[in-house]
Amino acid sequence: MTPIKTRRDGAIFEVTLDRPKANAIDLATSRIMGEVFRAFRDDPELRVAILTGGGEKFFCPGWDLKAAADGDAVDGDYGVGGFGGLQELRDMNKPVIAAVNGIACGGGLELALSADMIIAADHATFALPEIRSGTVADAASVKLPKRIPYHIAMELLLTGRWFDAEEAHRWGLVNEIVPGAQLMDRAWELARLLASGPPLVYAAIKEIVREAEDAKFQDTMNKITKRQLRTVDVLYSSEDQLEGARAFAEKRDPVWKGC
């Protein structure tokens, strides 16, 4: 039985981590997820992905400690894209929405942080409890202080305490909170909105954001204006950019073709 279920509807691709009892990720599952997300990245017909967990209790608790006890090495082969197949996947230039349906802790929270938007069910809870097992939440240590206030991020990393969806929203960690029964409807509503948008512009936005993360403002701007970023160069030479201008002049909705 595969731990990953997928569904595609038009340009939208839904990925469900469904590995009872808790949706924990072992090496084999991580490798499958990497192949799934790489296929999404490379499929020109797909524009937006939704990532969620099976059931209502767990989104993902992260690393499968039982598998580790049976021999899975913490520094083993996670496959393309690193842990969970997403957080280190190169050139992921399409929007990804995390629909957090329950507990998201440790590597599960890090997986959600790899998405571009996070929607949480009202009963979702979060934590980075690695401190209690004598290890480090490595990806979260890199990402979290850049996403929320530094002192809050450090408190969560250093104490491993649990926090609820309301607090996550207050710090800007999640975009919105919805009743659990409405979570996937809202995720698909948002996905349809994004799927109707300009894919080449989305790709350029994501590459610019990655490029700018550790660069000086002017250095990144120079790369943009000189068309040294691949997605920007493609965009500036595309039919879609001309279509955007024509649609504006003709006072109509643009028809994006991704080329």
C-alpha atoms as a PDB file:
ATOM      1  CA  MET A   1       0.000   0.000   0.000  1.00  0.00           C
ATOM      2  CA  THR A   2       1.551   3.273  -1.079  1.00  0.00           C
ATOM      3  CA  PRO A   3       1.980   5.914   1.651  1.00  0.00           C
ATOM      4  CA  ILE A   4       1.362   8.702  -0.857  1.00  0.00           C
ATOM      5  CA  LYS A   5      -1.959   9.290  -2.571  1.00  0.00           C
ATOM      6  CA  THR A   6      -2.278  11.738  -5.448  1.00  0.00           C
ATOM      7  CA  ARG A   7      -5.158  13.343  -7.254  1.00  0.00           C
ATOM      8  CA  ARG A   8      -5.063  15.641 -10.249  1.00  0.00           C
ATOM      9  CA  ASP A   9      -7.872  17.839 -11.487  1.00  0.00           C
ATOM     10  CA  GLY A  10      -6.970  20.096 -14.378  1.00  0.00           C
ATOM     11  CA  ALA A  11      -3.859  22.046 -13.407  1.00  0.00           C
ATOM     12  CA  ILE A  12      -4.121  21.188  -9.687  1.00  0.00           C
ATOM     13  CA  PHE A  13      -2.248  18.300  -8.052  1.00  0.00           C
ATOM     14  CA  GLU A  14      -3.180  17.065  -4.568  1.00  0.00           C
ATOM     15  CA  VAL A  15      -0.631  15.061  -2.578  1.00  0.00           C
ATOM     16  CA  THR A  16      -1.772  13.244   0.580  1.00  0.00           C
ATOM     17  CA  LEU A  17       0.697  11.727   3.019  1.00  0.00           C
ATOM     18  CA  ASP A  18      -1.324   8.742   4.216  1.00  0.00           C
ATOM     19  CA  ARG A  19       0.826   6.474   6.361  1.00  0.00           C
ATOM     20  CA  PRO A  20      -1.065   5.320   9.453  1.00  0.00           C
ATOM     21  CA  LYS A  21      -0.965   5.687  12.302  1.00  0.00           C
ATOM     22  CA  ALA A  22       0.622   9.140  12.327  1.00  0.00           C
ATOM     23  CA  ASN A  23       1.892   9.924   8.798  1.00  0.00           C
ATOM     24  CA  ALA A  24       5.516   9.763   9.952  1.00  0.00           C
ATOM     25  CA  ILE A  25       8.129   9.770   7.189  1.00  0.00           C
ATOM     26  CA  ASP A  26      10.771   7.080   6.828  1.00  0.00           C
ATOM     27  CA  LEU A  27      13.473   6.937   4.156  1.00  0.00           C
ATOM     28  CA  ALA A  28      11.353   4.972   1.694  1.00  0.00           C
ATOM     29  CA  THR A  29       8.402   7.359   2.045  1.00  0.00           C
ATOM     30  CA  SER A  30      10.657  10.377   1.639  1.00  0.00           C
ATOM     31  CA  ARG A  31      12.053   8.974  -1.590  1.00  0.00           C
ATOM     32  CA  ILE A  32       8.536   8.392  -2.940  1.00  0.00           C
ATOM     33  CA  MET A  33       7.571  11.954  -2.034  1.00  0.00           C
ATOM     34  CA  GLY A  34      10.610  13.266  -3.861  1.00  0.00           C
ATOM     35  CA  GLU A  35       9.625  11.447  -7.033  1.00  0.00           C
ATOM     36  CA  VAL A  36       6.043  12.709  -6.705  1.00  0.00           C
ATOM     37  CA  PHE A  37       7.053  16.343  -6.291  1.00  0.00           C
ATOM     38  CA  ARG A  38       9.655  16.125  -9.044  1.00  0.00           C
ATOM     39  CA  ALA A  39       6.986  14.787 -11.394  1.00  0.00           C
ATOM     40  CA  PHE A  40       4.733  17.700 -10.400  1.00  0.00           C
ATOM     41  CA  ARG A  41       7.561  20.181 -10.988  1.00  0.00           C
ATOM     42  CA  ASP A  42       8.333  18.806 -14.437  1.00  0.00           C
ATOM     43  CA  ASP A  43       4.753  18.365 -15.709  1.00  0.00           C
ATOM     44  CA  PRO A  44       3.851  21.381 -17.876  1.00  0.00           C
ATOM     45  CA  GLU A  45       0.141  20.693 -17.429  1.00  0.00           C
ATOM     46  CA  LEU A  46       0.264  21.086 -13.638  1.00  0.00           C
ATOM     47  CA  ARG A  47       0.434  24.537 -12.024  1.00  0.00           C
ATOM     48  CA  VAL A  48      -0.359  24.229  -8.297  1.00  0.00           C
ATOM     49  CA  ALA A  49       0.103  21.518  -5.664  1.00  0.00           C
ATOM     50  CA  ILE A  50      -1.723  20.932  -2.383  1.00  0.00           C
ATOM     51  CA  LEU A  51       0.018  18.912   0.339  1.00  0.00           C
ATOM     52  CA  THR A  52      -1.993  17.459   3.203  1.00  0.00           C
ATOM     53  CA  GLY A  53      -2.113  14.487   5.552  1.00  0.00           C
ATOM     54  CA  GLY A  54      -4.493  11.562   5.677  1.00  0.00           C
ATOM     55  CA  GLY A  55      -7.031  11.535   8.487  1.00  0.00           C
ATOM     56  CA  GLU A  56      -7.926  14.363  10.843  1.00  0.00           C
ATOM     57  CA  LYS A  57      -5.399  13.957  13.652  1.00  0.00           C
ATOM     58  CA  PHE A  58      -1.992  14.134  11.978  1.00  0.00           C
ATOM     59  CA  PHE A  59      -0.573  16.237   9.191  1.00  0.00           C
ATOM     60  CA  CYS A  60       2.882  14.814   9.849  1.00  0.00           C
ATOM     61  CA  PRO A  61       4.962  14.304  13.018  1.00  0.00           C
ATOM     62  CA  GLY A  62       8.176  14.242  11.004  1.00  0.00           C
ATOM     63  CA  TRP A  63      10.833  11.553  11.142  1.00  0.00           C
ATOM     64  CA  ASP A  64       9.691   7.985  11.812  1.00  0.00           C
ATOM     65  CA  LEU A  65      11.537   7.116  15.031  1.00  0.00           C
ATOM     66  CA  LYS A  66      10.398   3.491  14.876  1.00  0.00           C
ATOM     67  CA  ALA A  67      12.005   3.150  11.443  1.00  0.00           C
ATOM     68  CA  ALA A  68      15.112   4.799  12.839  1.00  0.00           C
ATOM     69  CA  ALA A  69      15.207   2.238  15.639  1.00  0.00           C
ATOM     70  CA  ASP A  70      14.991  -0.471  12.992  1.00  0.00           C
ATOM     71  CA  GLY A  71      17.972   0.909  11.090  1.00  0.00           C
ATOM     72  CA  ASP A  72      16.923   3.944   9.054  1.00  0.00           C
ATOM     73  CA  ALA A  73      19.840   6.372   9.371  1.00  0.00           C
ATOM     74  CA  VAL A  74      18.980   9.988  10.149  1.00  0.00           C
ATOM     75  CA  ASP A  75      21.566  10.980   7.546  1.00  0.00           C
ATOM     76  CA  GLY A  76      20.421   8.341   5.058  1.00  0.00           C
ATOM     77  CA  ASP A  77      19.202   8.741   1.483  1.00  0.00           C
ATOM     78  CA  TYR A  78      16.021  10.813   1.615  1.00  0.00           C
ATOM     79  CA  GLY A  79      15.878  10.930  -2.172  1.00  0.00           C
ATOM     80  CA  VAL A  80      15.496  13.835  -4.550  1.00  0.00           C
ATOM     81  CA  GLY A  81      14.289  16.924  -2.709  1.00  0.00           C
ATOM     82  CA  GLY A  82      15.633  15.880   0.689  1.00  0.00           C
ATOM     83  CA  PHE A  83      13.374  15.061   3.635  1.00  0.00           C
ATOM     84  CA  GLY A  84       9.760  14.846   2.493  1.00  0.00           C
ATOM     85  CA  GLY A  85      10.779  15.405  -1.110  1.00  0.00           C
ATOM     86  CA  LEU A  86      10.081  19.110  -1.069  1.00  0.00           C
ATOM     87  CA  GLN A  87      12.311  21.234   1.126  1.00  0.00           C
ATOM     88  CA  GLU A  88      15.479  20.789  -0.969  1.00  0.00           C
ATOM     89  CA  LEU A  89      13.919  20.171  -4.381  1.00  0.00           C
ATOM     90  CA  ARG A  90      15.746  22.415  -6.845  1.00  0.00           C
ATOM     91  CA  ASP A  91      13.874  24.746  -9.214  1.00  0.00           C
ATOM     92  CA  MET A  92      10.450  24.197  -7.681  1.00  0.00           C
ATOM     93  CA  ASN A  93       8.927  27.173  -9.454  1.00  0.00           C
ATOM     94  CA  LYS A  94       5.261  26.351  -8.955  1.00  0.00           C
ATOM     95  CA  PRO A  95       3.104  27.319  -5.951  1.00  0.00           C
ATOM     96  CA  VAL A  96       2.628  24.730  -3.219  1.00  0.00           C
ATOM     97  CA  ILE A  97      -0.099  25.001  -0.562  1.00  0.00           C
ATOM     98  CA  ALA A  98       0.180  23.082   2.707  1.00  0.00           C
ATOM     99  CA  ALA A  99      -3.222  22.170   4.160  1.00  0.00           C
ATOM    100  CA  VAL A 100      -2.355  21.289   7.752  1.00  0.00           C
ATOM    101  CA  ASN A 101      -5.117  18.987   8.959  1.00  0.00           C
ATOM    102  CA  GLY A 102      -3.751  18.175  12.421  1.00  0.00           C
ATOM    103  CA  ILE A 103      -0.502  17.743  14.314  1.00  0.00           C
ATOM    104  CA  ALA A 104       2.521  19.169  12.477  1.00  0.00           C
ATOM    105  CA  CYS A 105       5.638  18.757  14.535  1.00  0.00           C
ATOM    106  CA  GLY A 106       9.350  18.295  13.964  1.00  0.00           C
ATOM    107  CA  GLY A 107      10.022  17.440  10.344  1.00  0.00           C
ATOM    108  CA  GLY A 108       6.297  17.726   9.653  1.00  0.00           C
ATOM    109  CA  LEU A 109       6.369  21.405  10.544  1.00  0.00           C
ATOM    110  CA  GLU A 110       9.542  21.774   8.463  1.00  0.00           C
ATOM    111  CA  LEU A 111       7.698  20.166   5.560  1.00  0.00           C
ATOM    112  CA  ALA A 112       4.854  22.676   5.905  1.00  0.00           C
ATOM    113  CA  LEU A 113       7.430  25.485   5.978  1.00  0.00           C
ATOM    114  CA  SER A 114       8.610  24.285   2.561  1.00  0.00           C
ATOM    115  CA  ALA A 115       5.250  25.268   1.061  1.00  0.00           C
ATOM    116  CA  ASP A 116       4.496  28.778  -0.194  1.00  0.00           C
ATOM    117  CA  MET A 117       1.244  29.120   1.729  1.00  0.00           C
ATOM    118  CA  ILE A 118      -0.044  27.323   4.826  1.00  0.00           C
ATOM    119  CA  ILE A 119      -3.703  26.869   5.675  1.00  0.00           C
ATOM    120  CA  ALA A 120      -4.426  25.274   9.036  1.00  0.00           C
ATOM    121  CA  ALA A 121      -7.450  23.496  10.425  1.00  0.00           C
ATOM    122  CA  ASP A 122      -8.644  25.124  13.629  1.00  0.00           C
ATOM    123  CA  HIS A 123      -7.581  22.060  15.645  1.00  0.00           C
ATOM    124  CA  ALA A 124      -4.047  21.919  14.192  1.00  0.00           C
ATOM    125  CA  THR A 125      -1.127  22.060  16.628  1.00  0.00           C
ATOM    126  CA  PHE A 126       2.569  22.614  16.070  1.00  0.00           C
ATOM    127  CA  ALA A 127       5.916  22.012  17.781  1.00  0.00           C
ATOM    128  CA  LEU A 128       9.620  21.525  17.190  1.00  0.00           C
ATOM    129  CA  PRO A 129      10.328  18.925  19.889  1.00  0.00           C
ATOM    130  CA  GLU A 130      13.719  17.772  18.587  1.00  0.00           C
ATOM    131  CA  ILE A 131      15.416  19.406  21.586  1.00  0.00           C
ATOM    132  CA  ARG A 132      13.836  16.744  23.810  1.00  0.00           C
ATOM    133  CA  SER A 133      15.325  13.862  21.836  1.00  0.00           C
ATOM    134  CA  GLY A 134      18.808  15.326  21.726  1.00  0.00           C
ATOM    135  CA  THR A 135      18.812  16.386  18.102  1.00  0.00           C
ATOM    136  CA  VAL A 136      18.347  19.569  16.099  1.00  0.00           C
ATOM    137  CA  ALA A 137      15.471  20.783  13.962  1.00  0.00           C
ATOM    138  CA  ASP A 138      17.908  21.658  11.209  1.00  0.00           C
ATOM    139  CA  ALA A 139      15.650  23.017   8.456  1.00  0.00           C
ATOM    140  CA  ALA A 140      13.510  24.893  10.979  1.00  0.00           C
ATOM    141  CA  SER A 141      16.636  26.431  12.520  1.00  0.00           C
ATOM    142  CA  VAL A 142      17.416  27.872   9.093  1.00  0.00           C
ATOM    143  CA  LYS A 143      13.916  28.904   8.064  1.00  0.00           C
ATOM    144  CA  LEU A 144      11.916  29.822  11.145  1.00  0.00           C
ATOM    145  CA  PRO A 145      13.905  32.904  12.301  1.00  0.00           C
ATOM    146  CA  LYS A 146      13.406  34.315   8.792  1.00  0.00           C
ATOM    147  CA  ARG A 147       9.648  33.748   8.820  1.00  0.00           C
ATOM    148  CA  ILE A 148       8.570  34.965  12.248  1.00  0.00           C
ATOM    149  CA  PRO A 149      10.105  37.267  14.902  1.00  0.00           C
ATOM    150  CA  TYR A 150      13.567  36.036  15.890  1.00  0.00           C
ATOM    151  CA  HIS A 151      12.898  35.781  19.623  1.00  0.00           C
ATOM    152  CA  ILE A 152       9.695  33.796  19.084  1.00  0.00           C
ATOM    153  CA  ALA A 153      11.441  31.436  16.671  1.00  0.00           C
ATOM    154  CA  MET A 154      14.265  30.896  19.154  1.00  0.00           C
ATOM    155  CA  GLU A 155      11.807  30.229  21.976  1.00  0.00           C
ATOM    156  CA  LEU A 156      10.048  27.566  19.909  1.00  0.00           C
ATOM    157  CA  LEU A 157      13.352  25.977  18.860  1.00  0.00           C
ATOM    158  CA  LEU A 158      14.934  26.068  22.326  1.00  0.00           C
ATOM    159  CA  THR A 159      11.920  24.890  24.342  1.00  0.00           C
ATOM    160  CA  GLY A 160      10.154  22.573  21.898  1.00  0.00           C
ATOM    161  CA  ARG A 161       6.813  23.722  23.317  1.00  0.00           C
ATOM    162  CA  TRP A 162       3.503  23.127  21.563  1.00  0.00           C
ATOM    163  CA  PHE A 163       1.454  25.973  20.132  1.00  0.00           C
ATOM    164  CA  ASP A 164      -1.954  26.076  18.489  1.00  0.00           C
ATOM    165  CA  ALA A 165      -3.229  27.364  15.161  1.00  0.00           C
ATOM    166  CA  GLU A 166      -4.255  30.723  16.643  1.00  0.00           C
ATOM    167  CA  GLU A 167      -0.734  31.408  17.849  1.00  0.00           C
ATOM    168  CA  ALA A 168       0.734  30.200  14.559  1.00  0.00           C
ATOM    169  CA  HIS A 169      -1.524  32.655  12.749  1.00  0.00           C
ATOM    170  CA  ARG A 170      -0.652  35.470  15.149  1.00  0.00           C
ATOM    171  CA  TRP A 171       3.044  35.129  14.313  1.00  0.00           C
ATOM    172  CA  GLY A 172       2.359  34.855  10.589  1.00  0.00           C
ATOM    173  CA  LEU A 173       3.375  31.215  10.380  1.00  0.00           C
ATOM    174  CA  VAL A 174       0.081  30.263   8.718  1.00  0.00           C
ATOM    175  CA  ASN A 175      -1.958  32.286   6.242  1.00  0.00           C
ATOM    176  CA  GLU A 176      -5.372  31.435   7.620  1.00  0.00           C
ATOM    177  CA  ILE A 177      -7.324  29.120   9.903  1.00  0.00           C
ATOM    178  CA  VAL A 178     -10.487  27.333   8.808  1.00  0.00           C
ATOM    179  CA  PRO A 179     -12.789  24.776  10.443  1.00  0.00           C
ATOM    180  CA  GLY A 180     -11.412  21.298   9.917  1.00  0.00           C
ATOM    181  CA  ALA A 181     -14.340  20.194   7.766  1.00  0.00           C
ATOM    182  CA  GLN A 182     -13.707  23.096   5.386  1.00  0.00           C
ATOM    183  CA  LEU A 183      -9.924  22.751   5.124  1.00  0.00           C
ATOM    184  CA  MET A 184      -9.665  20.978   1.780  1.00  0.00           C
ATOM    185  CA  ASP A 185     -12.476  23.011   0.212  1.00  0.00           C
ATOM    186  CA  ARG A 186     -10.569  26.172   1.087  1.00  0.00           C
ATOM    187  CA  ALA A 187      -7.265  24.698  -0.129  1.00  0.00           C
ATOM    188  CA  TRP A 188      -8.829  23.829  -3.479  1.00  0.00           C
ATOM    189  CA  GLU A 189     -10.473  27.245  -3.722  1.00  0.00           C
ATOM    190  CA  LEU A 190      -7.083  28.887  -3.266  1.00  0.00           C
ATOM    191  CA  ALA A 191      -5.449  26.414  -5.655  1.00  0.00           C
ATOM    192  CA  ARG A 192      -7.994  27.208  -8.364  1.00  0.00           C
ATOM    193  CA  LEU A 193      -7.273  30.904  -7.925  1.00  0.00           C
ATOM    194  CA  LEU A 194      -3.547  30.311  -8.341  1.00  0.00           C
ATOM    195  CA  ALA A 195      -4.060  27.906 -11.250  1.00  0.00           C
ATOM    196  CA  SER A 196      -5.883  30.670 -13.121  1.00  0.00           C
ATOM    197  CA  GLY A 197      -2.864  32.965 -12.777  1.00  0.00           C
ATOM    198  CA  PRO A 198       0.263  33.426 -14.918  1.00  0.00           C
ATOM    199  CA  PRO A 199       2.581  30.411 -14.421  1.00  0.00           C
ATOM    200  CA  LEU A 200       5.636  32.137 -15.898  1.00  0.00           C
ATOM    201  CA  VAL A 201       5.224  35.036 -13.476  1.00  0.00           C
ATOM    202  CA  TYR A 202       4.885  32.607 -10.560  1.00  0.00           C
ATOM    203  CA  ALA A 203       8.086  30.883 -11.647  1.00  0.00           C
ATOM    204  CA  ALA A 204       9.936  34.192 -11.809  1.00  0.00           C
ATOM    205  CA  ILE A 205       8.631  35.221  -8.383  1.00  0.00           C
ATOM    206  CA  LYS A 206       9.813  31.984  -6.786  1.00  0.00           C
ATOM    207  CA  GLU A 207      13.270  32.152  -8.352  1.00  0.00           C
ATOM    208  CA  ILE A 208      13.700  35.824  -7.407  1.00  0.00           C
ATOM    209  CA  VAL A 209      12.677  35.089  -3.805  1.00  0.00           C
ATOM    210  CA  ARG A 210      15.199  32.230  -3.573  1.00  0.00           C
ATOM    211  CA  GLU A 211      17.941  34.301  -5.178  1.00  0.00           C
ATOM    212  CA  ALA A 212      17.310  37.262  -2.889  1.00  0.00           C
ATOM    213  CA  GLU A 213      17.226  35.287   0.354  1.00  0.00           C
ATOM    214  CA  ASP A 214      20.948  35.641   1.061  1.00  0.00           C
ATOM    215  CA  ALA A 215      21.889  38.319  -1.459  1.00  0.00           C
ATOM    216  CA  LYS A 216      22.095  42.092  -1.435  1.00  0.00           C
ATOM    217  CA  PHE A 217      19.096  43.905  -2.875  1.00  0.00           C
ATOM    218  CA  GLN A 218      20.994  45.566  -5.699  1.00  0.00           C
ATOM    219  CA  ASP A 219      22.793  42.371  -6.687  1.00  0.00           C
ATOM    220  CA  THR A 220      19.472  40.607  -7.177  1.00  0.00           C
ATOM    221  CA  MET A 221      17.967  43.586  -9.015  1.00  0.00           C
ATOM    222  CA  ASN A 222      20.942  43.615 -11.355  1.00  0.00           C
ATOM    223  CA  LYS A 223      20.392  39.943 -12.173  1.00  0.00           C
ATOM    224  CA  ILE A 224      16.736  40.658 -12.905  1.00  0.00           C
ATOM    225  CA  THR A 225      17.311  43.663 -15.150  1.00  0.00           C
ATOM    226  CA  LYS A 226      20.134  41.885 -17.007  1.00  0.00           C
ATOM    227  CA  ARG A 227      17.941  38.790 -17.434  1.00  0.00           C
ATOM    228  CA  GLN A 228      20.472  36.588 -15.675  1.00  0.00           C
ATOM    229  CA  LEU A 229      17.755  34.553 -13.945  1.00  0.00           C
ATOM    230  CA  ARG A 230      16.394  31.843 -16.235  1.00  0.00           C
ATOM    231  CA  THR A 231      12.730  32.270 -15.312  1.00  0.00           C
ATOM    232  CA  VAL A 232      12.901  36.042 -15.749  1.00  0.00           C
ATOM    233  CA  ASP A 233      14.537  35.648 -19.159  1.00  0.00           C
ATOM    234  CA  VAL A 234      11.808  33.208 -20.214  1.00  0.00           C
ATOM    235  CA  LEU A 235       9.077  35.526 -18.936  1.00  0.00           C
ATOM    236  CA  TYR A 236      10.434  38.608 -20.699  1.00  0.00           C
ATOM    237  CA  SER A 237      10.500  36.703 -24.012  1.00  0.00           C
ATOM    238  CA  SER A 238       7.095  35.076 -23.622  1.00  0.00           C
ATOM    239  CA  GLU A 239       3.738  35.343 -25.306  1.00  0.00           C
ATOM    240  CA  ASP A 240       2.180  35.522 -21.846  1.00  0.00           C
ATOM    241  CA  GLN A 241       3.828  38.859 -21.137  1.00  0.00           C
ATOM    242  CA  LEU A 242       2.441  40.265 -24.389  1.00  0.00           C
ATOM    243  CA  GLU A 243      -0.937  38.752 -23.553  1.00  0.00           C
ATOM    244  CA  GLY A 244      -0.955  40.516 -20.195  1.00  0.00           C
ATOM    245  CA  ALA A 245      -0.377  43.869 -21.841  1.00  0.00           C
ATOM    246  CA  ARG A 246      -2.978  43.218 -24.553  1.00  0.00           C
ATOM    247  CA  ALA A 247      -5.600  42.090 -22.037  1.00  0.00           C
ATOM    248  CA  PHE A 248      -5.040  45.233 -19.970  1.00  0.00           C
ATOM    249  CA  ALA A 249      -5.363  47.476 -23.033  1.00  0.00           C
ATOM    250  CA  GLU A 250      -8.455  45.607 -24.230  1.00  0.00           C
ATOM    251  CA  LYS A 251     -10.028  45.580 -20.755  1.00  0.00           C
ATOM    252  CA  ARG A 252     -10.464  41.796 -20.640  1.00  0.00           C
ATOM    253  CA  ASP A 253      -9.186  38.908 -18.569  1.00  0.00           C
ATOM    254  CA  PRO A 254      -5.877  37.507 -19.824  1.00  0.00           C
ATOM    255  CA  VAL A 255      -5.594  33.956 -21.118  1.00  0.00           C
ATOM    256  CA  TRP A 256      -2.358  32.485 -19.811  1.00  0.00           C
ATOM    257  CA  LYS A 257      -0.707  29.726 -21.851  1.00  0.00           C
ATOM    258  CA  GLY A 258       2.557  29.372 -19.951  1.00  0.00           C
ATOM    259  CA  CYS A 259       4.654  30.172 -22.984  1.00  0.00           C
END
